[in-house]
Amino acid sequence: MKSFSKILNYILILVGAVIAIYAQAGEAQDTKILVIGIVVLMVGIYRISKNIGEKPKGPEGFVKTEEDV
């Protein structure tokens, strides 16, 4: 089920981007279609971003520099 959700997120982003580009392509821009495309795009981005975890805490989360080595 997790795989379907991941695929759905990317489909939402792709469809939203295509709709937004389509709305911008014509000489007379259709604002309603543009807004719908941007909303679908943002929903897809939100769904992906909420699955990203936080940075690990503690010494294993830090990047060592040359001074630390």
PDB file of N, CA and C in Angstrom:
ATOM      1  N   MET A   1       0.822  -1.186   0.000  1.00  0.00           N
ATOM      2  CA  MET A   1       0.000   0.000   0.000  1.00  0.00           C
ATOM      3  C   MET A   1       0.870   1.256   0.000  1.00  0.00           C
ATOM      4  N   LYS A   2       2.028   1.166   0.647  1.00  0.00           N
ATOM      5  CA  LYS A   2       2.944   2.306   0.692  1.00  0.00           C
ATOM      6  C   LYS A   2       3.425   2.651  -0.709  1.00  0.00           C
ATOM      7  N   SER A   3       3.625   1.644  -1.538  1.00  0.00           N
ATOM      8  CA  SER A   3       4.095   1.868  -2.895  1.00  0.00           C
ATOM      9  C   SER A   3       3.046   2.610  -3.719  1.00  0.00           C
ATOM     10  N   PHE A   4       1.775   2.254  -3.551  1.00  0.00           N
ATOM     11  CA  PHE A   4       0.700   2.932  -4.268  1.00  0.00           C
ATOM     12  C   PHE A   4       0.635   4.397  -3.870  1.00  0.00           C
ATOM     13  N   SER A   5       0.798   4.679  -2.596  1.00  0.00           N
ATOM     14  CA  SER A   5       0.764   6.055  -2.106  1.00  0.00           C
ATOM     15  C   SER A   5       1.912   6.874  -2.690  1.00  0.00           C
ATOM     16  N   LYS A   6       3.079   6.251  -2.777  1.00  0.00           N
ATOM     17  CA  LYS A   6       4.245   6.929  -3.347  1.00  0.00           C
ATOM     18  C   LYS A   6       4.035   7.230  -4.825  1.00  0.00           C
ATOM     19  N   ILE A   7       3.489   6.276  -5.553  1.00  0.00           N
ATOM     20  CA  ILE A   7       3.209   6.473  -6.966  1.00  0.00           C
ATOM     21  C   ILE A   7       2.153   7.561  -7.147  1.00  0.00           C
ATOM     22  N   LEU A   8       1.127   7.551  -6.292  1.00  0.00           N
ATOM     23  CA  LEU A   8       0.080   8.566  -6.362  1.00  0.00           C
ATOM     24  C   LEU A   8       0.654   9.966  -6.145  1.00  0.00           C
ATOM     25  N   ASN A   9       1.597  10.101  -5.222  1.00  0.00           N
ATOM     26  CA  ASN A   9       2.224  11.395  -4.979  1.00  0.00           C
ATOM     27  C   ASN A   9       2.908  11.923  -6.232  1.00  0.00           C
ATOM     28  N   TYR A  10       3.676  11.080  -6.891  1.00  0.00           N
ATOM     29  CA  TYR A  10       4.380  11.506  -8.103  1.00  0.00           C
ATOM     30  C   TYR A  10       3.412  11.785  -9.251  1.00  0.00           C
ATOM     31  N   ILE A  11       2.324  11.025  -9.328  1.00  0.00           N
ATOM     32  CA  ILE A  11       1.318  11.279 -10.353  1.00  0.00           C
ATOM     33  C   ILE A  11       0.654  12.637 -10.113  1.00  0.00           C
ATOM     34  N   LEU A  12       0.349  12.952  -8.856  1.00  0.00           N
ATOM     35  CA  LEU A  12      -0.247  14.244  -8.534  1.00  0.00           C
ATOM     36  C   LEU A  12       0.677  15.392  -8.943  1.00  0.00           C
ATOM     37  N   ILE A  13       1.959  15.244  -8.654  1.00  0.00           N
ATOM     38  CA  ILE A  13       2.919  16.288  -9.018  1.00  0.00           C
ATOM     39  C   ILE A  13       2.989  16.437 -10.537  1.00  0.00           C
ATOM     40  N   LEU A  14       3.067  15.326 -11.224  1.00  0.00           N
ATOM     41  CA  LEU A  14       3.165  15.367 -12.686  1.00  0.00           C
ATOM     42  C   LEU A  14       1.906  15.965 -13.314  1.00  0.00           C
ATOM     43  N   VAL A  15       0.739  15.516 -12.869  1.00  0.00           N
ATOM     44  CA  VAL A  15      -0.520  16.022 -13.424  1.00  0.00           C
ATOM     45  C   VAL A  15      -0.671  17.515 -13.116  1.00  0.00           C
ATOM     46  N   GLY A  16      -0.349  17.918 -11.892  1.00  0.00           N
ATOM     47  CA  GLY A  16      -0.436  19.330 -11.532  1.00  0.00           C
ATOM     48  C   GLY A  16       0.480  20.194 -12.375  1.00  0.00           C
ATOM     49  N   ALA A  17       1.688  19.722 -12.615  1.00  0.00           N
ATOM     50  CA  ALA A  17       2.632  20.486 -13.436  1.00  0.00           C
ATOM     51  C   ALA A  17       2.161  20.578 -14.881  1.00  0.00           C
ATOM     52  N   VAL A  18       1.648  19.485 -15.425  1.00  0.00           N
ATOM     53  CA  VAL A  18       1.165  19.493 -16.801  1.00  0.00           C
ATOM     54  C   VAL A  18      -0.031  20.432 -16.943  1.00  0.00           C
ATOM     55  N   ILE A  19      -0.944  20.405 -15.983  1.00  0.00           N
ATOM     56  CA  ILE A  19      -2.109  21.293 -16.030  1.00  0.00           C
ATOM     57  C   ILE A  19      -1.673  22.752 -15.943  1.00  0.00           C
ATOM     58  N   ALA A  20      -0.741  23.060 -15.046  1.00  0.00           N
ATOM     59  CA  ALA A  20      -0.269  24.436 -14.894  1.00  0.00           C
ATOM     60  C   ALA A  20       0.438  24.918 -16.159  1.00  0.00           C
ATOM     61  N   ILE A  21       1.239  24.066 -16.765  1.00  0.00           N
ATOM     62  CA  ILE A  21       1.928  24.444 -18.008  1.00  0.00           C
ATOM     63  C   ILE A  21       0.919  24.619 -19.135  1.00  0.00           C
ATOM     64  N   TYR A  22      -0.070  23.745 -19.201  1.00  0.00           N
ATOM     65  CA  TYR A  22      -1.105  23.853 -20.229  1.00  0.00           C
ATOM     66  C   TYR A  22      -1.872  25.164 -20.094  1.00  0.00           C
ATOM     67  N   ALA A  23      -2.180  25.559 -18.857  1.00  0.00           N
ATOM     68  CA  ALA A  23      -2.931  26.794 -18.637  1.00  0.00           C
ATOM     69  C   ALA A  23      -2.113  28.016 -19.044  1.00  0.00           C
ATOM     70  N   GLN A  24      -0.791  27.936 -18.954  1.00  0.00           N
ATOM     71  CA  GLN A  24       0.085  29.049 -19.323  1.00  0.00           C
ATOM     72  C   GLN A  24       0.395  29.074 -20.813  1.00  0.00           C
ATOM     73  N   ALA A  25       0.177  27.965 -21.520  1.00  0.00           N
ATOM     74  CA  ALA A  25       0.626  27.842 -22.903  1.00  0.00           C
ATOM     75  C   ALA A  25      -0.179  28.693 -23.881  1.00  0.00           C
ATOM     76  N   GLY A  26      -1.464  28.835 -23.641  1.00  0.00           N
ATOM     77  CA  GLY A  26      -2.295  29.573 -24.587  1.00  0.00           C
ATOM     78  C   GLY A  26      -2.097  31.072 -24.487  1.00  0.00           C
ATOM     79  N   GLU A  27      -2.583  31.777 -25.495  1.00  0.00           N
ATOM     80  CA  GLU A  27      -2.491  33.234 -25.478  1.00  0.00           C
ATOM     81  C   GLU A  27      -3.379  33.814 -24.381  1.00  0.00           C
ATOM     82  N   ALA A  28      -4.575  33.272 -24.242  1.00  0.00           N
ATOM     83  CA  ALA A  28      -5.468  33.705 -23.171  1.00  0.00           C
ATOM     84  C   ALA A  28      -5.332  32.702 -22.026  1.00  0.00           C
ATOM     85  N   GLN A  29      -4.703  33.117 -20.934  1.00  0.00           N
ATOM     86  CA  GLN A  29      -4.474  32.213 -19.820  1.00  0.00           C
ATOM     87  C   GLN A  29      -5.791  31.942 -19.090  1.00  0.00           C
ATOM     88  N   ASP A  30      -6.033  30.684 -18.814  1.00  0.00           N
ATOM     89  CA  ASP A  30      -7.219  30.311 -18.047  1.00  0.00           C
ATOM     90  C   ASP A  30      -6.811  30.217 -16.581  1.00  0.00           C
ATOM     91  N   THR A  31      -7.220  31.210 -15.809  1.00  0.00           N
ATOM     92  CA  THR A  31      -6.776  31.308 -14.414  1.00  0.00           C
ATOM     93  C   THR A  31      -7.298  30.155 -13.568  1.00  0.00           C
ATOM     94  N   LYS A  32      -8.530  29.738 -13.820  1.00  0.00           N
ATOM     95  CA  LYS A  32      -9.111  28.657 -13.012  1.00  0.00           C
ATOM     96  C   LYS A  32      -8.321  27.364 -13.195  1.00  0.00           C
ATOM     97  N   ILE A  33      -7.989  27.040 -14.431  1.00  0.00           N
ATOM     98  CA  ILE A  33      -7.220  25.813 -14.694  1.00  0.00           C
ATOM     99  C   ILE A  33      -5.823  25.934 -14.098  1.00  0.00           C
ATOM    100  N   LEU A  34      -5.229  27.116 -14.184  1.00  0.00           N
ATOM    101  CA  LEU A  34      -3.900  27.338 -13.602  1.00  0.00           C
ATOM    102  C   LEU A  34      -3.925  27.120 -12.094  1.00  0.00           C
ATOM    103  N   VAL A  35      -4.923  27.652 -11.419  1.00  0.00           N
ATOM    104  CA  VAL A  35      -5.033  27.487  -9.964  1.00  0.00           C
ATOM    105  C   VAL A  35      -5.243  26.022  -9.606  1.00  0.00           C
ATOM    106  N   ILE A  36      -6.090  25.327 -10.360  1.00  0.00           N
ATOM    107  CA  ILE A  36      -6.319  23.894 -10.103  1.00  0.00           C
ATOM    108  C   ILE A  36      -5.019  23.113 -10.277  1.00  0.00           C
ATOM    109  N   GLY A  37      -4.263  23.425 -11.319  1.00  0.00           N
ATOM    110  CA  GLY A  37      -2.984  22.743 -11.541  1.00  0.00           C
ATOM    111  C   GLY A  37      -2.000  22.992 -10.415  1.00  0.00           C
ATOM    112  N   ILE A  38      -1.925  24.227  -9.950  1.00  0.00           N
ATOM    113  CA  ILE A  38      -1.004  24.541  -8.853  1.00  0.00           C
ATOM    114  C   ILE A  38      -1.438  23.858  -7.565  1.00  0.00           C
ATOM    115  N   VAL A  39      -2.744  23.811  -7.309  1.00  0.00           N
ATOM    116  CA  VAL A  39      -3.241  23.138  -6.097  1.00  0.00           C
ATOM    117  C   VAL A  39      -2.906  21.649  -6.143  1.00  0.00           C
ATOM    118  N   VAL A  40      -3.125  20.997  -7.279  1.00  0.00           N
ATOM    119  CA  VAL A  40      -2.807  19.566  -7.399  1.00  0.00           C
ATOM    120  C   VAL A  40      -1.308  19.344  -7.219  1.00  0.00           C
ATOM    121  N   LEU A  41      -0.500  20.214  -7.808  1.00  0.00           N
ATOM    122  CA  LEU A  41       0.954  20.128  -7.659  1.00  0.00           C
ATOM    123  C   LEU A  41       1.363  20.260  -6.190  1.00  0.00           C
ATOM    124  N   MET A  42       0.790  21.222  -5.490  1.00  0.00           N
ATOM    125  CA  MET A  42       1.145  21.447  -4.085  1.00  0.00           C
ATOM    126  C   MET A  42       0.675  20.311  -3.183  1.00  0.00           C
ATOM    127  N   VAL A  43      -0.466  19.707  -3.500  1.00  0.00           N
ATOM    128  CA  VAL A  43      -0.940  18.552  -2.721  1.00  0.00           C
ATOM    129  C   VAL A  43       0.049  17.399  -2.859  1.00  0.00           C
ATOM    130  N   GLY A  44       0.530  17.159  -4.065  1.00  0.00           N
ATOM    131  CA  GLY A  44       1.523  16.099  -4.272  1.00  0.00           C
ATOM    132  C   GLY A  44       2.815  16.374  -3.531  1.00  0.00           C
ATOM    133  N   ILE A  45       3.280  17.624  -3.568  1.00  0.00           N
ATOM    134  CA  ILE A  45       4.507  17.985  -2.860  1.00  0.00           C
ATOM    135  C   ILE A  45       4.315  17.862  -1.354  1.00  0.00           C
ATOM    136  N   TYR A  46       3.155  18.270  -0.848  1.00  0.00           N
ATOM    137  CA  TYR A  46       2.881  18.161   0.587  1.00  0.00           C
ATOM    138  C   TYR A  46       2.876  16.702   1.030  1.00  0.00           C
ATOM    139  N   ARG A  47       2.237  15.850   0.233  1.00  0.00           N
ATOM    140  CA  ARG A  47       2.172  14.436   0.613  1.00  0.00           C
ATOM    141  C   ARG A  47       3.557  13.798   0.654  1.00  0.00           C
ATOM    142  N   ILE A  48       4.444  14.203  -0.246  1.00  0.00           N
ATOM    143  CA  ILE A  48       5.811  13.673  -0.223  1.00  0.00           C
ATOM    144  C   ILE A  48       6.577  14.231   0.968  1.00  0.00           C
ATOM    145  N   SER A  49       6.423  15.525   1.226  1.00  0.00           N
ATOM    146  CA  SER A  49       7.213  16.149   2.286  1.00  0.00           C
ATOM    147  C   SER A  49       6.806  15.679   3.678  1.00  0.00           C
ATOM    148  N   LYS A  50       5.565  15.278   3.880  1.00  0.00           N
ATOM    149  CA  LYS A  50       5.171  14.835   5.216  1.00  0.00           C
ATOM    150  C   LYS A  50       5.726  13.448   5.543  1.00  0.00           C
ATOM    151  N   ASN A  51       6.202  12.712   4.530  1.00  0.00           N
ATOM    152  CA  ASN A  51       6.801  11.397   4.765  1.00  0.00           C
ATOM    153  C   ASN A  51       8.300  11.466   5.023  1.00  0.00           C
ATOM    154  N   ILE A  52       8.890  12.646   4.860  1.00  0.00           N
ATOM    155  CA  ILE A  52      10.316  12.801   5.101  1.00  0.00           C
ATOM    156  C   ILE A  52      10.528  12.961   6.599  1.00  0.00           C
ATOM    157  N   GLY A  53      11.391  12.153   7.158  1.00  0.00           N
ATOM    158  CA  GLY A  53      11.637  12.185   8.590  1.00  0.00           C
ATOM    159  C   GLY A  53      12.545  13.335   8.989  1.00  0.00           C
ATOM    160  N   GLU A  54      12.695  13.492  10.296  1.00  0.00           N
ATOM    161  CA  GLU A  54      13.573  14.527  10.815  1.00  0.00           C
ATOM    162  C   GLU A  54      15.023  14.085  10.731  1.00  0.00           C
ATOM    163  N   LYS A  55      15.910  15.055  10.886  1.00  0.00           N
ATOM    164  CA  LYS A  55      17.334  14.736  10.890  1.00  0.00           C
ATOM    165  C   LYS A  55      17.650  13.924  12.141  1.00  0.00           C
ATOM    166  N   PRO A  56      18.546  12.962  12.028  1.00  0.00           N
ATOM    167  CA  PRO A  56      18.909  12.172  13.212  1.00  0.00           C
ATOM    168  C   PRO A  56      19.625  13.036  14.245  1.00  0.00           C
ATOM    169  N   LYS A  57      19.338  12.776  15.491  1.00  0.00           N
ATOM    170  CA  LYS A  57      19.960  13.529  16.576  1.00  0.00           C
ATOM    171  C   LYS A  57      21.112  12.713  17.143  1.00  0.00           C
ATOM    172  N   GLY A  58      22.081  13.401  17.664  1.00  0.00           N
ATOM    173  CA  GLY A  58      23.207  12.719  18.271  1.00  0.00           C
ATOM    174  C   GLY A  58      24.442  12.777  17.394  1.00  0.00           C
ATOM    175  N   PRO A  59      25.497  12.136  17.839  1.00  0.00           N
ATOM    176  CA  PRO A  59      26.764  12.221  17.116  1.00  0.00           C
ATOM    177  C   PRO A  59      26.720  11.606  15.715  1.00  0.00           C
ATOM    178  N   GLU A  60      25.850  10.625  15.485  1.00  0.00           N
ATOM    179  CA  GLU A  60      25.810  10.025  14.152  1.00  0.00           C
ATOM    180  C   GLU A  60      25.122  10.935  13.144  1.00  0.00           C
ATOM    181  N   GLY A  61      24.458  11.997  13.583  1.00  0.00           N
ATOM    182  CA  GLY A  61      23.782  12.916  12.691  1.00  0.00           C
ATOM    183  C   GLY A  61      24.650  14.060  12.230  1.00  0.00           C
ATOM    184  N   PHE A  62      25.840  14.186  12.807  1.00  0.00           N
ATOM    185  CA  PHE A  62      26.718  15.293  12.462  1.00  0.00           C
ATOM    186  C   PHE A  62      27.700  14.900  11.374  1.00  0.00           C
ATOM    187  N   VAL A  63      28.031  15.842  10.540  1.00  0.00           N
ATOM    188  CA  VAL A  63      29.024  15.609   9.495  1.00  0.00           C
ATOM    189  C   VAL A  63      30.375  16.028  10.058  1.00  0.00           C
ATOM    190  N   LYS A  64      31.343  15.155   9.912  1.00  0.00           N
ATOM    191  CA  LYS A  64      32.672  15.473  10.425  1.00  0.00           C
ATOM    192  C   LYS A  64      33.417  16.355   9.443  1.00  0.00           C
ATOM    193  N   THR A  65      34.112  17.312   9.974  1.00  0.00           N
ATOM    194  CA  THR A  65      34.947  18.173   9.156  1.00  0.00           C
ATOM    195  C   THR A  65      36.392  17.697   9.244  1.00  0.00           C
ATOM    196  N   GLU A  66      37.271  18.343   8.530  1.00  0.00           N
ATOM    197  CA  GLU A  66      38.677  17.967   8.575  1.00  0.00           C
ATOM    198  C   GLU A  66      39.267  18.186   9.960  1.00  0.00           C
ATOM    199  N   GLU A  67      38.762  19.175  10.682  1.00  0.00           N
ATOM    200  CA  GLU A  67      39.280  19.463  12.027  1.00  0.00           C
ATOM    201  C   GLU A  67      38.897  18.347  12.993  1.00  0.00           C
ATOM    202  N   ASP A  68      37.740  17.696  12.803  1.00  0.00           N
ATOM    203  CA  ASP A  68      37.281  16.660  13.702  1.00  0.00           C
ATOM    204  C   ASP A  68      38.029  15.341  13.502  1.00  0.00           C
ATOM    205  N   VAL A  69      38.650  15.154  12.362  1.00  0.00           N
ATOM    206  CA  VAL A  69      39.291  13.877  12.040  1.00  0.00           C
ATOM    207  C   VAL A  69      40.623  13.759  12.696  1.00  0.00           C
TER     208      VAL A  69
END
